[in-house]
C-alpha atoms as a PDB file:
ATOM      1  CA  MET A   1     -16.233 377.494 151.249  1.00  0.00           C
ATOM      2  CA  SER A   2     -13.417 375.079 152.142  1.00  0.00           C
ATOM      3  CA  HIS A   3     -13.600 371.441 151.109  1.00  0.00           C
ATOM      4  CA  LEU A   4     -10.858 370.552 153.642  1.00  0.00           C
ATOM      5  CA  ARG A   5     -12.568 371.575 156.899  1.00  0.00           C
ATOM      6  CA  ALA A   6     -16.222 371.051 157.796  1.00  0.00           C
ATOM      7  CA  LYS A   7     -18.614 371.397 160.737  1.00  0.00           C
ATOM      8  CA  CYS A   8     -18.971 368.053 162.541  1.00  0.00           C
ATOM      9  CA  PRO A   9     -22.698 367.213 163.087  1.00  0.00           C
ATOM     10  CA  THR A  10     -21.768 365.797 166.523  1.00  0.00           C
ATOM     11  CA  CYS A  11     -19.346 368.413 167.884  1.00  0.00           C
ATOM     12  CA  ARG A  12     -20.909 371.351 165.996  1.00  0.00           C
ATOM     13  CA  ALA A  13     -17.443 372.771 165.485  1.00  0.00           C
ATOM     14  CA  TYR A  14     -15.211 372.930 162.425  1.00  0.00           C
ATOM     15  CA  THR A  15     -13.115 369.925 163.445  1.00  0.00           C
ATOM     16  CA  ALA A  16     -13.961 367.561 160.605  1.00  0.00           C
ATOM     17  CA  VAL A  17     -11.120 367.425 158.132  1.00  0.00           C
ATOM     18  CA  ALA A  18     -11.128 365.872 154.654  1.00  0.00           C
ATOM     19  CA  MET A  19      -8.961 362.751 154.386  1.00  0.00           C
ATOM     20  CA  GLY A  20      -9.298 362.167 150.667  1.00  0.00           C
ATOM     21  CA  PRO A  21     -13.002 361.624 149.927  1.00  0.00           C
ATOM     22  CA  ASP A  22     -13.767 360.914 153.603  1.00  0.00           C
ATOM     23  CA  TYR A  23     -13.903 363.171 156.660  1.00  0.00           C
ATOM     24  CA  GLU A  24     -12.584 362.582 160.163  1.00  0.00           C
ATOM     25  CA  CYS A  25     -13.493 364.697 163.177  1.00  0.00           C
ATOM     26  CA  HIS A  26     -10.308 365.545 165.156  1.00  0.00           C
ATOM     27  CA  SER A  27     -12.411 366.254 168.251  1.00  0.00           C
ATOM     28  CA  CYS A  28     -14.755 363.283 168.623  1.00  0.00           C
ATOM     29  CA  GLY A  29     -13.098 360.822 166.217  1.00  0.00           C
ATOM     30  CA  ARG A  30     -16.137 360.224 164.018  1.00  0.00           C
ATOM     31  CA  THR A  31     -15.583 359.467 160.331  1.00  0.00           C
ATOM     32  CA  PHE A  32     -17.863 360.217 157.391  1.00  0.00           C
ATOM     33  CA  SER A  33     -17.929 359.143 153.804  1.00  0.00           C
ATOM     34  CA  ALA A  34     -19.034 362.453 152.239  1.00  0.00           C
ATOM     35  CA  GLY A  35     -18.945 366.183 152.814  1.00  0.00           C
ATOM     36  CA  MET A  36     -22.332 367.934 152.708  1.00  0.00           C
ATOM     37  CA  VAL A  37     -22.912 371.211 150.893  1.00  0.00           C
ATOM     38  CA  ARG A  38     -26.134 373.102 151.623  1.00  0.00           C
ATOM     39  CA  VAL A  39     -27.685 375.124 148.825  1.00  0.00           C
ATOM     40  CA  PRO A  40     -30.641 377.077 150.264  1.00  0.00           C
ATOM     41  CA  ARG A  41     -31.890 378.569 147.013  1.00  0.00           C
ATOM     42  CA  ALA A  42     -34.846 377.942 144.726  1.00  0.00           C
ATOM     43  CA  TRP A  43     -34.801 379.559 141.340  1.00  0.00           C
ATOM     44  CA  GLY A  44     -38.489 380.150 140.646  1.00  0.00           C
ATOM     45  CA  ASP A  45     -41.625 381.505 142.242  1.00  0.00           C
ATOM     46  CA  GLY A  46     -42.884 380.202 145.583  1.00  0.00           C
ATOM     47  CA  GLY A  47     -40.056 377.889 146.478  1.00  0.00           C
ATOM     48  CA  GLU A  48     -39.773 378.944 150.124  1.00  0.00           C
ATOM     49  CA  ASP A  49     -40.365 375.386 151.443  1.00  0.00           C
ATOM     50  CA  MET A  50     -37.545 374.036 149.248  1.00  0.00           C
ATOM     51  CA  ILE A  51     -35.219 376.712 150.589  1.00  0.00           C
ATOM     52  CA  ALA A  52     -36.136 375.831 154.177  1.00  0.00           C
ATOM     53  CA  SER A  53     -35.551 372.132 153.495  1.00  0.00           C
ATOM     54  CA  ALA A  54     -31.859 372.724 152.823  1.00  0.00           C
ATOM     55  CA  SER A  55     -31.545 373.298 156.606  1.00  0.00           C
ATOM     56  CA  LEU A  56     -32.673 369.775 157.585  1.00  0.00           C
ATOM     57  CA  GLU A  57     -30.237 368.254 160.036  1.00  0.00           C
ATOM     58  CA  LEU A  58     -28.541 365.367 158.198  1.00  0.00           C
ATOM     59  CA  ASP A  59     -25.777 363.477 159.985  1.00  0.00           C
ATOM     60  CA  TYR A  60     -22.926 364.582 157.689  1.00  0.00           C
ATOM     61  CA  PRO A  61     -20.197 367.210 158.077  1.00  0.00           C
ATOM     62  CA  GLU A  62     -21.180 370.543 156.611  1.00  0.00           C
ATOM     63  CA  ALA A  63     -18.435 371.483 154.164  1.00  0.00           C
ATOM     64  CA  GLY A  64     -20.080 374.665 152.930  1.00  0.00           C
ATOM     65  CA  VAL A  65     -23.188 376.730 152.358  1.00  0.00           C
ATOM     66  CA  ILE A  66     -23.790 378.275 148.897  1.00  0.00           C
ATOM     67  CA  GLU A  67     -26.024 381.329 148.860  1.00  0.00           C
ATOM     68  CA  GLU A  68     -25.127 383.289 145.765  1.00  0.00           C
ATOM     69  CA  ASP A  69     -27.353 386.030 144.356  1.00  0.00           C
ATOM     70  CA  SER A  70     -27.678 384.476 140.917  1.00  0.00           C
ATOM     71  CA  LEU A  71     -27.943 380.968 139.515  1.00  0.00           C
ATOM     72  CA  GLN A  72     -24.805 381.579 137.498  1.00  0.00           C
ATOM     73  CA  GLY A  73     -22.951 382.599 140.636  1.00  0.00           C
ATOM     74  CA  GLN A  74     -24.252 379.542 142.486  1.00  0.00           C
ATOM     75  CA  THR A  75     -23.149 377.221 139.709  1.00  0.00           C
ATOM     76  CA  LEU A  76     -19.683 378.707 139.530  1.00  0.00           C
ATOM     77  CA  ALA A  77     -19.200 378.680 143.286  1.00  0.00           C
ATOM     78  CA  MET A  78     -20.164 375.034 143.540  1.00  0.00           C
ATOM     79  CA  ALA A  79     -18.110 373.843 140.579  1.00  0.00           C
ATOM     80  CA  ALA A  80     -15.019 375.652 141.890  1.00  0.00           C
ATOM     81  CA  ASP A  81     -14.769 374.155 145.372  1.00  0.00           C
ATOM     82  CA  LEU A  82     -16.571 370.817 145.850  1.00  0.00           C
ATOM     83  CA  PRO A  83     -15.636 368.168 148.438  1.00  0.00           C
ATOM     84  CA  GLU A  84     -14.035 365.198 146.748  1.00  0.00           C
ATOM     85  CA  ARG A  85     -17.194 363.179 147.391  1.00  0.00           C
ATOM     86  CA  PRO A  86     -20.019 365.766 147.672  1.00  0.00           C
ATOM     87  CA  LEU A  87     -23.447 365.273 149.182  1.00  0.00           C
ATOM     88  CA  ILE A  88     -25.662 368.187 148.167  1.00  0.00           C
ATOM     89  CA  LEU A  89     -28.700 369.203 150.216  1.00  0.00           C
ATOM     90  CA  GLY A  90     -30.434 371.695 148.041  1.00  0.00           C
ATOM     91  CA  GLY A  91     -33.472 373.728 147.556  1.00  0.00           C
ATOM     92  CA  CYS A  92     -34.458 373.180 143.897  1.00  0.00           C
ATOM     93  CA  CYS A  93     -32.851 370.955 141.262  1.00  0.00           C
ATOM     94  CA  CYS A  94     -30.686 373.783 139.994  1.00  0.00           C
ATOM     95  CA  SER A  95     -28.436 372.771 142.867  1.00  0.00           C
ATOM     96  CA  HIS A  96     -27.254 369.888 140.724  1.00  0.00           C
ATOM     97  CA  VAL A  97     -25.905 372.016 137.926  1.00  0.00           C
ATOM     98  CA  GLY A  98     -22.699 373.292 139.579  1.00  0.00           C
ATOM     99  CA  VAL A  99     -21.849 369.951 141.169  1.00  0.00           C
ATOM    100  CA  VAL A 100     -22.250 368.049 137.908  1.00  0.00           C
ATOM    101  CA  GLU A 101     -20.094 370.577 136.087  1.00  0.00           C
ATOM    102  CA  GLY A 102     -17.431 370.323 138.827  1.00  0.00           C
ATOM    103  CA  LEU A 103     -17.419 366.541 138.875  1.00  0.00           C
ATOM    104  CA  ALA A 104     -17.395 366.333 135.063  1.00  0.00           C
ATOM    105  CA  SER A 105     -14.155 368.323 135.077  1.00  0.00           C
ATOM    106  CA  ARG A 106     -12.568 365.760 137.472  1.00  0.00           C
ATOM    107  CA  HIS A 107     -13.607 362.470 136.019  1.00  0.00           C
ATOM    108  CA  GLY A 108     -13.177 360.749 132.690  1.00  0.00           C
ATOM    109  CA  ARG A 109     -16.784 360.211 131.567  1.00  0.00           C
ATOM    110  CA  LEU A 110     -19.449 361.177 134.056  1.00  0.00           C
ATOM    111  CA  GLY A 111     -22.986 359.851 133.835  1.00  0.00           C
ATOM    112  CA  VAL A 112     -26.035 361.221 135.630  1.00  0.00           C
ATOM    113  CA  ILE A 113     -28.799 359.214 137.245  1.00  0.00           C
ATOM    114  CA  TRP A 114     -31.654 361.730 137.509  1.00  0.00           C
ATOM    115  CA  LEU A 115     -34.539 360.556 139.656  1.00  0.00           C
ATOM    116  CA  ASP A 116     -37.468 362.965 139.340  1.00  0.00           C
ATOM    117  CA  ALA A 117     -41.199 362.959 138.769  1.00  0.00           C
ATOM    118  CA  HIS A 118     -40.559 365.741 136.246  1.00  0.00           C
ATOM    119  CA  GLY A 119     -38.164 366.007 133.320  1.00  0.00           C
ATOM    120  CA  ASP A 120     -36.373 369.251 134.184  1.00  0.00           C
ATOM    121  CA  LEU A 121     -35.745 369.445 130.430  1.00  0.00           C
ATOM    122  CA  ASN A 122     -37.511 372.639 129.549  1.00  0.00           C
ATOM    123  CA  THR A 123     -35.886 375.746 128.087  1.00  0.00           C
ATOM    124  CA  PRO A 124     -36.948 379.363 128.654  1.00  0.00           C
ATOM    125  CA  GLU A 125     -38.850 379.062 125.366  1.00  0.00           C
ATOM    126  CA  THR A 126     -40.708 375.850 126.191  1.00  0.00           C
ATOM    127  CA  SER A 127     -41.314 376.264 129.925  1.00  0.00           C
ATOM    128  CA  PRO A 128     -44.986 376.791 130.878  1.00  0.00           C
ATOM    129  CA  SER A 129     -44.021 378.390 134.209  1.00  0.00           C
ATOM    130  CA  GLY A 130     -40.727 380.100 133.409  1.00  0.00           C
ATOM    131  CA  ASN A 131     -39.243 378.623 136.635  1.00  0.00           C
ATOM    132  CA  ALA A 132     -35.584 377.786 136.227  1.00  0.00           C
ATOM    133  CA  TRP A 133     -36.035 374.736 138.454  1.00  0.00           C
ATOM    134  CA  GLY A 134     -37.793 373.045 135.474  1.00  0.00           C
ATOM    135  CA  MET A 135     -34.647 373.437 133.319  1.00  0.00           C
ATOM    136  CA  PRO A 136     -31.476 372.177 135.081  1.00  0.00           C
ATOM    137  CA  LEU A 137     -31.056 368.843 133.303  1.00  0.00           C
ATOM    138  CA  ARG A 138     -31.445 370.622 129.958  1.00  0.00           C
ATOM    139  CA  MET A 139     -28.903 373.237 131.108  1.00  0.00           C
ATOM    140  CA  LEU A 140     -26.376 370.527 131.723  1.00  0.00           C
ATOM    141  CA  ILE A 141     -26.980 368.826 128.374  1.00  0.00           C
ATOM    142  CA  ASP A 142     -27.051 371.984 126.274  1.00  0.00           C
ATOM    143  CA  GLY A 143     -24.003 373.334 128.107  1.00  0.00           C
ATOM    144  CA  GLY A 144     -22.001 370.242 127.211  1.00  0.00           C
ATOM    145  CA  ALA A 145     -21.271 369.021 130.759  1.00  0.00           C
ATOM    146  CA  ILE A 146     -22.857 365.666 129.975  1.00  0.00           C
ATOM    147  CA  ASP A 147     -23.864 363.686 126.925  1.00  0.00           C
ATOM    148  CA  PRO A 148     -27.625 363.041 126.895  1.00  0.00           C
ATOM    149  CA  ARG A 149     -26.984 359.366 126.204  1.00  0.00           C
ATOM    150  CA  ASP A 150     -25.112 359.242 129.546  1.00  0.00           C
ATOM    151  CA  VAL A 151     -28.231 360.346 131.413  1.00  0.00           C
ATOM    152  CA  ALA A 152     -30.932 358.043 132.919  1.00  0.00           C
ATOM    153  CA  LEU A 153     -34.187 359.821 133.713  1.00  0.00           C
ATOM    154  CA  ILE A 154     -35.978 357.569 136.183  1.00  0.00           C
ATOM    155  CA  GLY A 155     -39.382 357.954 137.719  1.00  0.00           C
ATOM    156  CA  ALA A 156     -40.530 360.749 135.431  1.00  0.00           C
ATOM    157  CA  ARG A 157     -44.326 360.823 134.951  1.00  0.00           C
ATOM    158  CA  ASN A 158     -45.269 364.428 134.434  1.00  0.00           C
ATOM    159  CA  LEU A 159     -43.397 365.726 131.372  1.00  0.00           C
ATOM    160  CA  ASP A 160     -44.387 368.576 129.102  1.00  0.00           C
ATOM    161  CA  PRO A 161     -44.759 367.670 125.407  1.00  0.00           C
ATOM    162  CA  PRO A 162     -41.491 369.393 124.357  1.00  0.00           C
ATOM    163  CA  GLU A 163     -39.706 367.345 127.059  1.00  0.00           C
ATOM    164  CA  VAL A 164     -41.137 364.109 125.710  1.00  0.00           C
ATOM    165  CA  GLU A 165     -39.898 365.019 122.233  1.00  0.00           C
ATOM    166  CA  PHE A 166     -36.457 365.928 123.569  1.00  0.00           C
ATOM    167  CA  VAL A 167     -36.048 362.707 125.468  1.00  0.00           C
ATOM    168  CA  ALA A 168     -36.730 360.676 122.342  1.00  0.00           C
ATOM    169  CA  ALA A 169     -34.543 362.809 120.078  1.00  0.00           C
ATOM    170  CA  ALA A 170     -31.580 363.145 122.439  1.00  0.00           C
ATOM    171  CA  GLY A 171     -31.341 359.479 123.395  1.00  0.00           C
ATOM    172  CA  ILE A 172     -31.799 359.894 127.167  1.00  0.00           C
ATOM    173  CA  GLN A 173     -31.917 356.520 128.873  1.00  0.00           C
ATOM    174  CA  ASP A 174     -34.624 355.168 131.184  1.00  0.00           C
ATOM    175  CA  THR A 175     -32.477 352.769 133.252  1.00  0.00           C
ATOM    176  CA  ALA A 176     -29.349 353.193 135.293  1.00  0.00           C
ATOM    177  CA  GLU A 177     -27.824 350.021 133.801  1.00  0.00           C
ATOM    178  CA  ALA A 178     -27.900 351.583 130.278  1.00  0.00           C
ATOM    179  CA  VAL A 179     -25.822 354.486 131.595  1.00  0.00           C
ATOM    180  CA  LEU A 180     -23.435 352.402 133.659  1.00  0.00           C
ATOM    181  CA  GLU A 181     -22.468 350.477 130.507  1.00  0.00           C
ATOM    182  CA  ARG A 182     -21.224 353.708 128.909  1.00  0.00           C
ATOM    183  CA  VAL A 183     -19.566 355.807 131.700  1.00  0.00           C
ATOM    184  CA  ASP A 184     -16.734 355.706 134.198  1.00  0.00           C
ATOM    185  CA  CYS A 185     -18.793 356.987 137.178  1.00  0.00           C
ATOM    186  CA  VAL A 186     -22.077 358.626 138.006  1.00  0.00           C
ATOM    187  CA  TYR A 187     -23.673 361.459 139.958  1.00  0.00           C
ATOM    188  CA  VAL A 188     -27.092 360.748 141.505  1.00  0.00           C
ATOM    189  CA  ALA A 189     -29.619 363.616 141.367  1.00  0.00           C
ATOM    190  CA  LEU A 190     -32.525 362.692 143.628  1.00  0.00           C
ATOM    191  CA  ASP A 191     -35.471 365.080 143.459  1.00  0.00           C
ATOM    192  CA  CYS A 192     -37.683 363.772 146.219  1.00  0.00           C
ATOM    193  CA  ASP A 193     -40.921 364.309 144.298  1.00  0.00           C
ATOM    194  CA  VAL A 194     -39.943 361.103 142.523  1.00  0.00           C
ATOM    195  CA  PHE A 195     -41.419 359.141 145.481  1.00  0.00           C
ATOM    196  CA  GLU A 196     -44.981 358.166 146.020  1.00  0.00           C
ATOM    197  CA  PRO A 197     -46.266 361.131 148.048  1.00  0.00           C
ATOM    198  CA  SER A 198     -47.112 359.019 151.082  1.00  0.00           C
ATOM    199  CA  GLU A 199     -43.461 357.935 151.331  1.00  0.00           C
ATOM    200  CA  LEU A 200     -41.707 361.269 151.824  1.00  0.00           C
ATOM    201  CA  ALA A 201     -42.742 364.891 152.020  1.00  0.00           C
ATOM    202  CA  ALA A 202     -41.840 366.696 148.752  1.00  0.00           C
ATOM    203  CA  PHE A 203     -42.403 370.183 147.429  1.00  0.00           C
ATOM    204  CA  MET A 204     -44.208 369.058 144.226  1.00  0.00           C
ATOM    205  CA  PRO A 205     -45.652 365.633 144.987  1.00  0.00           C
ATOM    206  CA  GLU A 206     -46.882 363.493 142.085  1.00  0.00           C
ATOM    207  CA  PRO A 207     -48.861 360.242 142.484  1.00  0.00           C
ATOM    208  CA  GLY A 208     -47.627 357.021 141.088  1.00  0.00           C
ATOM    209  CA  GLY A 209     -43.993 357.066 142.218  1.00  0.00           C
ATOM    210  CA  PRO A 210     -41.724 354.394 143.715  1.00  0.00           C
ATOM    211  CA  THR A 211     -41.343 353.629 147.390  1.00  0.00           C
ATOM    212  CA  VAL A 212     -38.288 354.546 149.431  1.00  0.00           C
ATOM    213  CA  ALA A 213     -37.466 350.813 149.561  1.00  0.00           C
ATOM    214  CA  GLU A 214     -37.503 350.538 145.787  1.00  0.00           C
ATOM    215  CA  VAL A 215     -35.213 353.566 145.302  1.00  0.00           C
ATOM    216  CA  GLU A 216     -32.986 352.281 148.115  1.00  0.00           C
ATOM    217  CA  LYS A 217     -32.510 349.008 146.184  1.00  0.00           C
ATOM    218  CA  LEU A 218     -31.565 350.967 143.023  1.00  0.00           C
ATOM    219  CA  LEU A 219     -29.062 353.042 144.984  1.00  0.00           C
ATOM    220  CA  CYS A 220     -27.514 349.957 146.576  1.00  0.00           C
ATOM    221  CA  GLY A 221     -26.921 348.594 143.098  1.00  0.00           C
ATOM    222  CA  LEU A 222     -25.102 351.766 142.091  1.00  0.00           C
ATOM    223  CA  ARG A 223     -23.004 351.599 145.312  1.00  0.00           C
ATOM    224  CA  ASP A 224     -22.129 347.988 144.664  1.00  0.00           C
ATOM    225  CA  ARG A 225     -20.766 348.945 141.233  1.00  0.00           C
ATOM    226  CA  GLY A 226     -18.442 351.436 142.902  1.00  0.00           C
ATOM    227  CA  ALA A 227     -19.662 354.067 140.469  1.00  0.00           C
ATOM    228  CA  VAL A 228     -21.067 356.930 142.641  1.00  0.00           C
ATOM    229  CA  VAL A 229     -18.848 359.976 142.997  1.00  0.00           C
ATOM    230  CA  GLY A 230     -21.490 362.399 144.323  1.00  0.00           C
ATOM    231  CA  ALA A 231     -25.174 362.788 145.043  1.00  0.00           C
ATOM    232  CA  GLY A 232     -27.737 365.523 145.666  1.00  0.00           C
ATOM    233  CA  LEU A 233     -31.094 365.667 147.472  1.00  0.00           C
ATOM    234  CA  THR A 234     -33.550 368.346 146.317  1.00  0.00           C
ATOM    235  CA  GLY A 235     -37.237 369.163 145.968  1.00  0.00           C
ATOM    236  CA  LEU A 236     -38.094 368.495 149.609  1.00  0.00           C
ATOM    237  CA  ALA A 237     -40.564 369.879 152.074  1.00  0.00           C
ATOM    238  CA  PRO A 238     -38.978 370.980 155.346  1.00  0.00           C
ATOM    239  CA  ASP A 239     -40.437 368.063 157.354  1.00  0.00           C
ATOM    240  CA  PRO A 240     -38.103 366.652 160.029  1.00  0.00           C
ATOM    241  CA  ALA A 241     -39.731 363.293 159.472  1.00  0.00           C
ATOM    242  CA  ASN A 242     -37.858 363.198 156.130  1.00  0.00           C
ATOM    243  CA  VAL A 243     -34.467 362.983 157.821  1.00  0.00           C
ATOM    244  CA  GLU A 244     -34.404 359.316 158.761  1.00  0.00           C
ATOM    245  CA  LYS A 245     -35.467 358.297 155.236  1.00  0.00           C
ATOM    246  CA  LEU A 246     -32.929 360.634 153.593  1.00  0.00           C
ATOM    247  CA  GLU A 247     -30.100 359.253 155.728  1.00  0.00           C
ATOM    248  CA  ARG A 248     -31.190 355.726 154.829  1.00  0.00           C
ATOM    249  CA  LEU A 249     -30.966 356.585 151.139  1.00  0.00           C
ATOM    250  CA  CYS A 250     -27.532 358.173 151.609  1.00  0.00           C
ATOM    251  CA  THR A 251     -26.373 355.026 153.406  1.00  0.00           C
ATOM    252  CA  ALA A 252     -27.568 352.990 150.448  1.00  0.00           C
ATOM    253  CA  LEU A 253     -25.228 355.047 148.289  1.00  0.00           C
ATOM    254  CA  GLY A 254     -22.310 354.256 150.553  1.00  0.00           C
ATOM    255  CA  PHE A 255     -22.260 357.725 152.104  1.00  0.00           C
END
């Protein structure tokens, strides 16, 4: 994967070139505020819809596709060669691990705004399912990429008891503002099951979530603080009707 050249969504050729964090297409002249990396993998059983959703046609230059044979390989490949301002379109939430590790190595103190109906804080010992996609936030914390006090878990409403205990013990925040007061910049991990199911088609819908408009307002606040250095979209169903709403959320981030 090259973070310098990318496939322009308009020309469909590798004519978009990174100009710092932005991209400019040398063929049609379009400019973009992020480079998109597709990660069509789901590390668990039955995640085919999540894998397919990584092919949704978002209007951003495609800087790379990561399809490693192991989660460790995926994480290393992503961390090694990210666009300067990455937009991840993943399968499952494990897509966030490599990008957070890569961004943490570039920036002073990276915070994470994790929007998800679930905690993603299990370990192999506590997970009821054994699916790795229920563990990525815990992987990042236990691996030392981020301090748990620099994490805001927002929208979570279906946590396993060990996850509830870990949130309280580790000092994970429940608002973005609490994290912004502590860090230099943030990565936004948006698992789309955070939304009320009628708002957007997700792989593991959970009732009682926020609307797209409510999350859009939160993301605009992060953008206005100038704090966002990357974002990722995961946990989707491969419904083309999702695209307009996803692009609206990315625009809210300044992408």
